[in-house]
C-alpha cells in the first residue's frame, strides 16, 4: 500500500504529524491543479490519497471517478477548526 497526503501549501495544520514522520505529504500551491496532481499520484502507484478538506473542494472529477474503485481509495480528512 502506497499512501499520500495532499494539502494546500498555506495550510500549516493538516498532516503535520505525517510530515514529521517522513510520510509523503504533498503541498499544492495552486488548488486548481488538484485533479492533475491526483492523476499524477495515481500514475506513481499511490493507491490511497488522503486530502485535506480544503483541497477536496477543488477536485471536480477524480473523487467521483474513483468513488467505487476498489484499488484506489480517496479519503477526505475533516477539518478540526
Protein backbone atom coordinates (compact mmCIF):
# COMPACT_ATOMS: atom_id res chain seq x y z
CA UNK A 1 0.00 0.00 0.00
CA UNK A 2 1.36 3.39 -1.01
CA UNK A 3 -0.26 6.37 0.76
CA UNK A 4 0.00 10.08 0.08
CA UNK A 5 -1.42 13.11 1.83
CA UNK A 6 -2.40 16.21 -0.16
CA UNK A 7 -2.85 19.67 1.35
CA UNK A 8 -2.75 23.35 0.43
CA UNK A 9 0.72 24.85 0.90
CA UNK A 10 -0.60 27.62 3.18
CA UNK A 11 -2.27 25.05 5.45
CA UNK A 12 0.13 24.67 8.37
CA UNK A 13 -2.12 22.41 10.44
CA UNK A 14 -3.12 19.46 8.25
CA UNK A 15 -0.95 16.34 8.26
CA UNK A 16 1.85 17.86 10.37
CA UNK A 17 2.42 14.58 12.19
CA UNK A 18 2.58 12.60 8.95
CA UNK A 19 5.06 15.08 7.51
CA UNK A 20 7.20 14.99 10.68
CA UNK A 21 7.30 11.20 10.48
CA UNK A 22 8.57 11.37 6.90
CA UNK A 23 5.46 10.25 5.06
CA UNK A 24 4.63 11.51 1.57
CA UNK A 25 2.81 14.80 2.20
CA UNK A 26 2.41 16.92 -0.90
CA UNK A 27 1.56 20.62 -0.79
CA UNK A 28 -0.37 22.31 -3.57
CA UNK A 29 0.43 25.92 -4.41
CA UNK A 30 -2.47 26.09 -6.90
CA UNK A 31 -5.67 24.36 -5.75
CA UNK A 32 -7.00 24.38 -9.31
CA UNK A 33 -4.41 21.67 -10.06
CA UNK A 34 -5.90 19.24 -7.53
CA UNK A 35 -7.21 16.76 -10.13
CA UNK A 36 -3.99 16.89 -12.14
CA UNK A 37 -1.91 16.24 -9.02
CA UNK A 38 -4.15 13.33 -8.02
CA UNK A 39 -3.86 11.80 -11.51
CA UNK A 40 -0.07 12.03 -11.23
CA UNK A 41 -0.10 10.38 -7.79
CA UNK A 42 -2.23 7.52 -9.15
CA UNK A 43 0.22 7.09 -12.06
CA UNK A 44 3.01 6.86 -9.45
CA UNK A 45 1.12 3.88 -7.91
CA UNK A 46 -0.28 5.65 -4.86
CA UNK A 47 -3.37 3.61 -4.04
CA UNK A 48 -4.56 5.73 -1.11
CA UNK A 49 -4.76 9.51 -1.28
CA UNK A 50 -5.81 11.48 1.78
CA UNK A 51 -6.99 15.01 1.01
CA UNK A 52 -7.43 17.89 3.38
CA UNK A 53 -10.99 19.19 3.37
CA UNK A 54 -9.90 22.39 1.62
CA UNK A 55 -8.18 20.52 -1.23
CA UNK A 56 -11.11 18.11 -1.68
CA UNK A 57 -13.38 21.03 -2.54
CA UNK A 58 -11.28 21.68 -5.65
CA UNK A 59 -11.49 18.16 -7.10
CA UNK A 60 -14.04 18.14 -9.88
CA UNK A 61 -13.90 14.63 -11.25
CA UNK A 62 -11.28 12.45 -9.59
CA UNK A 63 -13.22 11.82 -6.38
CA UNK A 64 -16.31 10.80 -8.37
CA UNK A 65 -14.27 8.67 -10.76
CA UNK A 66 -12.66 6.60 -8.01
CA UNK A 67 -15.55 6.54 -5.53
CA UNK A 68 -16.42 2.92 -6.28
CA UNK A 69 -12.95 1.75 -7.34
CA UNK A 70 -11.64 -0.96 -5.01
CA UNK A 71 -8.00 -0.37 -6.00
CA UNK A 72 -7.81 3.40 -5.40
CA UNK A 73 -9.00 4.93 -2.14
CA UNK A 74 -9.68 8.65 -1.83
CA UNK A 75 -10.13 9.81 1.76
CA UNK A 76 -11.22 13.31 2.79
CA UNK A 77 -9.86 14.47 6.12
CA UNK A 78 -12.19 16.65 8.17
CA UNK A 79 -11.00 20.00 9.39
CA UNK A 80 -10.52 20.37 13.15
CA UNK A 81 -11.47 24.04 13.16
